[in-house]
Every structure is written in C-alpha cells, then in structure tokens.
Amino acid sequence: MKNVTVLTTNTCPYCKIAKDFLTQNKIHFIEKDVNTDPQARYEMTSRNITGVPTILIGNDAVVGLDKTKILELVDHRLVKCSNCNTSVRVPTKEGKISARCPKCKSPL
C-alpha cells in the first residue's frame, strides 16, 4: 500500500481542510510541517514544489486539494475493528479480500 504524507505549515488554513478531507475519507496519513521538519522541507524543494498542502502518495505528489486525484491515487482506507476498535489499513484496489485485525484477530 502507498504511504500518504501531508506536507503542511501550522498557519495554512488549506492544510487543515486537506487533513480533514483525508480523515473523512478514512485515509491514513502522516503530517510533516515544512517549517519545523528539515527533511520535509528538503522533500518539497527536491521536487520543485513551493506550496502547501502537498500530499505525497507513494511517488506521486498532489499540490493543493485535488480531491479527485487524491482518491484516484490512494489505494487504502482505514477500517476500525468492531471488536477492539483498532484502526487497520485495508487495500481498496485488490478486489474482494478478507482481512483480520492484527490485535484481536477478528475479521474486519
């Protein structure tokens, strides 16, 4: 599954909207603030990106909140286990799969 990273700044209102969109669509992501994380800032500059929010999905980058593109590129969703409430990343483009919670082994 592709990792999703959101490059943000703490003063960007659009970054909050982007994070809310990912959360509402049950997409697991890691947030990195380019003002405080030199590695995140390097990631942006090495790709010649100058704006936030930037959403890195695998090797692809989406600058801004292009909802259609994000949903097209993301290959997983978060599913909560009904037994223990653990969040689990489940692939979406694999056809029908059977998954089990890694914590309690219940079917998802």
N, C-alpha and C. Protein backbone atom coordinates (compact mmCIF):
# COMPACT_ATOMS: atom_id res chain seq x y z
N MET A 1 0.83 -1.18 0.00
CA MET A 1 0.00 0.00 0.00
C MET A 1 0.88 1.24 0.00
N LYS A 2 0.39 2.26 -0.66
CA LYS A 2 1.15 3.51 -0.76
C LYS A 2 1.05 4.29 0.55
N ASN A 3 2.18 4.87 0.96
CA ASN A 3 2.18 5.76 2.12
C ASN A 3 1.69 7.13 1.68
N VAL A 4 0.96 7.79 2.58
CA VAL A 4 0.44 9.13 2.32
C VAL A 4 1.03 10.08 3.35
N THR A 5 1.69 11.13 2.86
CA THR A 5 2.28 12.15 3.72
C THR A 5 1.74 13.50 3.30
N VAL A 6 1.34 14.29 4.28
CA VAL A 6 0.84 15.64 4.00
C VAL A 6 1.87 16.64 4.50
N LEU A 7 2.41 17.42 3.57
CA LEU A 7 3.36 18.47 3.92
C LEU A 7 2.56 19.73 4.17
N THR A 8 2.72 20.29 5.36
CA THR A 8 1.88 21.41 5.80
C THR A 8 2.72 22.51 6.44
N THR A 9 2.03 23.58 6.81
CA THR A 9 2.55 24.56 7.76
C THR A 9 1.45 24.77 8.79
N ASN A 10 1.81 25.23 9.97
CA ASN A 10 0.80 25.39 11.02
C ASN A 10 -0.08 26.62 10.81
N THR A 11 0.26 27.49 9.87
CA THR A 11 -0.53 28.69 9.62
C THR A 11 -1.42 28.57 8.37
N CYS A 12 -1.39 27.45 7.70
CA CYS A 12 -2.11 27.28 6.44
C CYS A 12 -3.52 26.74 6.68
N PRO A 13 -4.56 27.54 6.40
CA PRO A 13 -5.93 27.04 6.60
C PRO A 13 -6.30 25.94 5.61
N TYR A 14 -5.70 25.94 4.42
CA TYR A 14 -5.99 24.91 3.43
C TYR A 14 -5.41 23.56 3.85
N CYS A 15 -4.33 23.58 4.64
CA CYS A 15 -3.75 22.34 5.14
C CYS A 15 -4.74 21.64 6.07
N LYS A 16 -5.42 22.40 6.90
CA LYS A 16 -6.43 21.84 7.80
C LYS A 16 -7.56 21.22 7.00
N ILE A 17 -8.00 21.89 5.95
CA ILE A 17 -9.07 21.36 5.09
C ILE A 17 -8.62 20.06 4.43
N ALA A 18 -7.38 20.02 3.96
CA ALA A 18 -6.84 18.80 3.33
C ALA A 18 -6.78 17.65 4.33
N LYS A 19 -6.32 17.91 5.53
CA LYS A 19 -6.24 16.86 6.56
C LYS A 19 -7.64 16.37 6.93
N ASP A 20 -8.59 17.29 7.02
CA ASP A 20 -9.98 16.91 7.31
C ASP A 20 -10.54 16.03 6.19
N PHE A 21 -10.23 16.37 4.94
CA PHE A 21 -10.69 15.57 3.81
C PHE A 21 -10.14 14.14 3.88
N LEU A 22 -8.85 14.01 4.17
CA LEU A 22 -8.24 12.69 4.27
C LEU A 22 -8.87 11.89 5.41
N THR A 23 -9.08 12.52 6.53
CA THR A 23 -9.68 11.86 7.69
C THR A 23 -11.11 11.42 7.37
N GLN A 24 -11.89 12.30 6.76
CA GLN A 24 -13.28 11.96 6.41
C GLN A 24 -13.36 10.80 5.43
N ASN A 25 -12.35 10.67 4.58
CA ASN A 25 -12.33 9.59 3.60
C ASN A 25 -11.56 8.36 4.09
N LYS A 26 -11.27 8.34 5.39
CA LYS A 26 -10.63 7.20 6.04
C LYS A 26 -9.29 6.83 5.40
N ILE A 27 -8.50 7.86 5.12
CA ILE A 27 -7.18 7.67 4.51
C ILE A 27 -6.13 7.92 5.59
N HIS A 28 -5.27 6.92 5.81
CA HIS A 28 -4.20 7.05 6.80
C HIS A 28 -3.11 7.95 6.22
N PHE A 29 -2.65 8.92 7.01
CA PHE A 29 -1.60 9.81 6.55
C PHE A 29 -0.71 10.22 7.71
N ILE A 30 0.48 10.68 7.34
CA ILE A 30 1.42 11.26 8.29
C ILE A 30 1.58 12.72 7.91
N GLU A 31 1.52 13.59 8.90
CA GLU A 31 1.68 15.03 8.65
C GLU A 31 3.10 15.45 8.99
N LYS A 32 3.68 16.27 8.11
CA LYS A 32 5.00 16.84 8.35
C LYS A 32 4.94 18.33 8.08
N ASP A 33 5.34 19.12 9.07
CA ASP A 33 5.34 20.58 8.96
C ASP A 33 6.67 21.01 8.34
N VAL A 34 6.60 21.63 7.17
CA VAL A 34 7.83 22.01 6.47
C VAL A 34 8.58 23.14 7.16
N ASN A 35 7.93 23.85 8.08
CA ASN A 35 8.62 24.91 8.82
C ASN A 35 9.47 24.36 9.96
N THR A 36 9.14 23.18 10.45
CA THR A 36 9.87 22.63 11.59
C THR A 36 10.61 21.33 11.27
N ASP A 37 10.35 20.74 10.11
CA ASP A 37 10.96 19.46 9.74
C ASP A 37 11.85 19.66 8.51
N PRO A 38 13.18 19.72 8.71
CA PRO A 38 14.08 19.95 7.58
C PRO A 38 13.98 18.89 6.50
N GLN A 39 13.72 17.65 6.88
CA GLN A 39 13.59 16.58 5.88
C GLN A 39 12.35 16.80 5.01
N ALA A 40 11.26 17.24 5.60
CA ALA A 40 10.04 17.54 4.84
C ALA A 40 10.29 18.71 3.89
N ARG A 41 10.98 19.73 4.37
CA ARG A 41 11.31 20.89 3.54
C ARG A 41 12.18 20.46 2.36
N TYR A 42 13.15 19.56 2.61
CA TYR A 42 14.01 19.06 1.55
C TYR A 42 13.18 18.27 0.53
N GLU A 43 12.24 17.48 1.01
CA GLU A 43 11.37 16.71 0.12
C GLU A 43 10.64 17.66 -0.86
N MET A 44 10.15 18.77 -0.33
CA MET A 44 9.46 19.75 -1.19
C MET A 44 10.42 20.38 -2.20
N THR A 45 11.54 20.86 -1.72
CA THR A 45 12.46 21.57 -2.62
C THR A 45 13.07 20.64 -3.65
N SER A 46 13.30 19.37 -3.29
CA SER A 46 13.88 18.43 -4.26
C SER A 46 12.90 18.12 -5.38
N ARG A 47 11.62 18.31 -5.13
CA ARG A 47 10.59 18.09 -6.17
C ARG A 47 10.16 19.41 -6.83
N ASN A 48 10.84 20.50 -6.48
CA ASN A 48 10.50 21.84 -7.00
C ASN A 48 9.07 22.24 -6.68
N ILE A 49 8.62 21.89 -5.48
CA ILE A 49 7.29 22.25 -5.02
C ILE A 49 7.43 23.42 -4.06
N THR A 50 6.57 24.41 -4.21
CA THR A 50 6.68 25.60 -3.37
C THR A 50 5.42 25.86 -2.54
N GLY A 51 4.38 25.03 -2.68
CA GLY A 51 3.13 25.31 -1.97
C GLY A 51 2.68 24.18 -1.08
N VAL A 52 1.90 24.57 -0.08
CA VAL A 52 1.26 23.60 0.80
C VAL A 52 -0.25 23.84 0.74
N PRO A 53 -1.05 22.86 0.99
CA PRO A 53 -0.67 21.50 1.32
C PRO A 53 -0.16 20.75 0.10
N THR A 54 0.81 19.91 0.32
CA THR A 54 1.28 18.97 -0.69
C THR A 54 1.04 17.58 -0.13
N ILE A 55 0.37 16.75 -0.90
CA ILE A 55 0.06 15.40 -0.45
C ILE A 55 0.89 14.44 -1.28
N LEU A 56 1.80 13.73 -0.61
CA LEU A 56 2.64 12.74 -1.27
C LEU A 56 1.97 11.38 -1.12
N ILE A 57 1.67 10.75 -2.25
CA ILE A 57 1.01 9.45 -2.26
C ILE A 57 1.91 8.51 -3.04
N GLY A 58 2.62 7.65 -2.32
CA GLY A 58 3.63 6.83 -2.97
C GLY A 58 4.68 7.75 -3.57
N ASN A 59 4.92 7.64 -4.88
CA ASN A 59 5.89 8.50 -5.57
C ASN A 59 5.25 9.72 -6.22
N ASP A 60 3.93 9.84 -6.10
CA ASP A 60 3.20 10.95 -6.71
C ASP A 60 3.02 12.09 -5.71
N ALA A 61 2.93 13.31 -6.23
CA ALA A 61 2.69 14.49 -5.40
C ALA A 61 1.48 15.24 -5.93
N VAL A 62 0.58 15.60 -5.02
CA VAL A 62 -0.58 16.41 -5.36
C VAL A 62 -0.44 17.71 -4.58
N VAL A 63 -0.29 18.82 -5.30
CA VAL A 63 -0.16 20.12 -4.66
C VAL A 63 -1.55 20.74 -4.62
N GLY A 64 -1.96 21.14 -3.43
CA GLY A 64 -3.31 21.65 -3.26
C GLY A 64 -4.26 20.50 -2.94
N LEU A 65 -5.54 20.80 -2.97
CA LEU A 65 -6.54 19.79 -2.60
C LEU A 65 -7.32 19.37 -3.83
N ASP A 66 -6.70 18.53 -4.64
CA ASP A 66 -7.35 17.95 -5.81
C ASP A 66 -7.98 16.63 -5.34
N LYS A 67 -9.22 16.70 -4.88
CA LYS A 67 -9.89 15.56 -4.25
C LYS A 67 -9.98 14.36 -5.19
N THR A 68 -10.31 14.61 -6.44
CA THR A 68 -10.43 13.51 -7.40
C THR A 68 -9.10 12.79 -7.58
N LYS A 69 -8.04 13.54 -7.75
CA LYS A 69 -6.70 12.96 -7.94
C LYS A 69 -6.26 12.17 -6.70
N ILE A 70 -6.53 12.73 -5.52
CA ILE A 70 -6.14 12.06 -4.28
C ILE A 70 -6.86 10.72 -4.17
N LEU A 71 -8.16 10.72 -4.39
CA LEU A 71 -8.93 9.47 -4.27
C LEU A 71 -8.52 8.46 -5.34
N GLU A 72 -8.10 8.96 -6.49
CA GLU A 72 -7.64 8.09 -7.57
C GLU A 72 -6.31 7.41 -7.21
N LEU A 73 -5.42 8.14 -6.53
CA LEU A 73 -4.08 7.63 -6.23
C LEU A 73 -4.02 6.76 -4.96
N VAL A 74 -4.86 7.05 -3.98
CA VAL A 74 -4.80 6.33 -2.70
C VAL A 74 -5.35 4.92 -2.90
N ASP A 75 -4.65 3.94 -2.35
CA ASP A 75 -5.04 2.54 -2.54
C ASP A 75 -5.45 1.85 -1.25
N HIS A 76 -5.85 2.62 -0.24
CA HIS A 76 -6.26 2.01 1.03
C HIS A 76 -7.29 2.88 1.73
N ARG A 77 -7.92 2.30 2.72
CA ARG A 77 -8.81 3.02 3.64
C ARG A 77 -8.58 2.46 5.02
N LEU A 78 -8.86 3.28 6.03
CA LEU A 78 -8.79 2.82 7.42
C LEU A 78 -10.11 2.17 7.78
N VAL A 79 -10.02 1.01 8.40
CA VAL A 79 -11.20 0.29 8.87
C VAL A 79 -11.01 0.05 10.35
N LYS A 80 -12.05 0.35 11.15
CA LYS A 80 -11.97 0.10 12.59
C LYS A 80 -12.49 -1.30 12.89
N CYS A 81 -11.77 -2.01 13.72
CA CYS A 81 -12.19 -3.33 14.17
C CYS A 81 -13.39 -3.14 15.10
N SER A 82 -14.46 -3.87 14.84
CA SER A 82 -15.66 -3.74 15.66
C SER A 82 -15.48 -4.37 17.04
N ASN A 83 -14.48 -5.21 17.18
CA ASN A 83 -14.25 -5.89 18.45
C ASN A 83 -13.37 -5.07 19.40
N CYS A 84 -12.23 -4.56 18.89
CA CYS A 84 -11.28 -3.87 19.79
C CYS A 84 -11.05 -2.41 19.41
N ASN A 85 -11.69 -1.93 18.32
CA ASN A 85 -11.62 -0.52 17.89
C ASN A 85 -10.25 -0.11 17.35
N THR A 86 -9.42 -1.07 16.97
CA THR A 86 -8.12 -0.78 16.37
C THR A 86 -8.32 -0.35 14.92
N SER A 87 -7.61 0.69 14.47
CA SER A 87 -7.67 1.12 13.07
C SER A 87 -6.65 0.32 12.26
N VAL A 88 -7.11 -0.18 11.11
CA VAL A 88 -6.28 -1.03 10.26
C VAL A 88 -6.36 -0.50 8.83
N ARG A 89 -5.21 -0.38 8.17
CA ARG A 89 -5.18 -0.01 6.75
C ARG A 89 -5.55 -1.23 5.92
N VAL A 90 -6.55 -1.08 5.05
CA VAL A 90 -7.02 -2.17 4.22
C VAL A 90 -6.94 -1.72 2.76
N PRO A 91 -6.33 -2.54 1.88
CA PRO A 91 -6.23 -2.15 0.48
C PRO A 91 -7.62 -2.08 -0.16
N THR A 92 -7.78 -1.14 -1.11
CA THR A 92 -9.08 -0.97 -1.77
C THR A 92 -9.08 -1.45 -3.21
N LYS A 93 -7.93 -1.62 -3.80
CA LYS A 93 -7.88 -1.96 -5.22
C LYS A 93 -7.43 -3.40 -5.45
N GLU A 94 -7.70 -4.25 -4.50
CA GLU A 94 -7.26 -5.64 -4.58
C GLU A 94 -8.43 -6.59 -4.84
N GLY A 95 -9.61 -6.06 -5.15
CA GLY A 95 -10.78 -6.91 -5.29
C GLY A 95 -11.30 -7.27 -3.91
N LYS A 96 -11.98 -8.38 -3.81
CA LYS A 96 -12.53 -8.81 -2.52
C LYS A 96 -11.42 -9.47 -1.70
N ILE A 97 -11.21 -8.96 -0.50
CA ILE A 97 -10.19 -9.54 0.38
C ILE A 97 -10.82 -9.84 1.73
N SER A 98 -10.19 -10.74 2.44
CA SER A 98 -10.60 -10.97 3.83
C SER A 98 -9.43 -10.55 4.70
N ALA A 99 -9.71 -9.65 5.63
CA ALA A 99 -8.67 -9.12 6.50
C ALA A 99 -9.04 -9.39 7.95
N ARG A 100 -8.02 -9.51 8.76
CA ARG A 100 -8.21 -9.72 10.19
C ARG A 100 -7.47 -8.64 10.97
N CYS A 101 -8.03 -8.30 12.10
CA CYS A 101 -7.41 -7.31 12.98
C CYS A 101 -6.09 -7.89 13.50
N PRO A 102 -5.00 -7.14 13.40
CA PRO A 102 -3.72 -7.66 13.90
C PRO A 102 -3.68 -7.79 15.42
N LYS A 103 -4.55 -7.05 16.11
CA LYS A 103 -4.53 -7.06 17.56
C LYS A 103 -5.36 -8.21 18.15
N CYS A 104 -6.63 -8.33 17.71
CA CYS A 104 -7.51 -9.34 18.32
C CYS A 104 -7.86 -10.48 17.38
N LYS A 105 -7.41 -10.40 16.13
CA LYS A 105 -7.61 -11.44 15.11
C LYS A 105 -9.05 -11.58 14.64
N SER A 106 -9.91 -10.61 14.96
CA SER A 106 -11.29 -10.65 14.48
C SER A 106 -11.34 -10.29 13.00
N PRO A 107 -12.30 -10.85 12.25
CA PRO A 107 -12.45 -10.44 10.84
C PRO A 107 -12.90 -8.99 10.75
N LEU A 108 -12.40 -8.29 9.72
CA LEU A 108 -12.78 -6.89 9.52
C LEU A 108 -13.91 -6.79 8.52
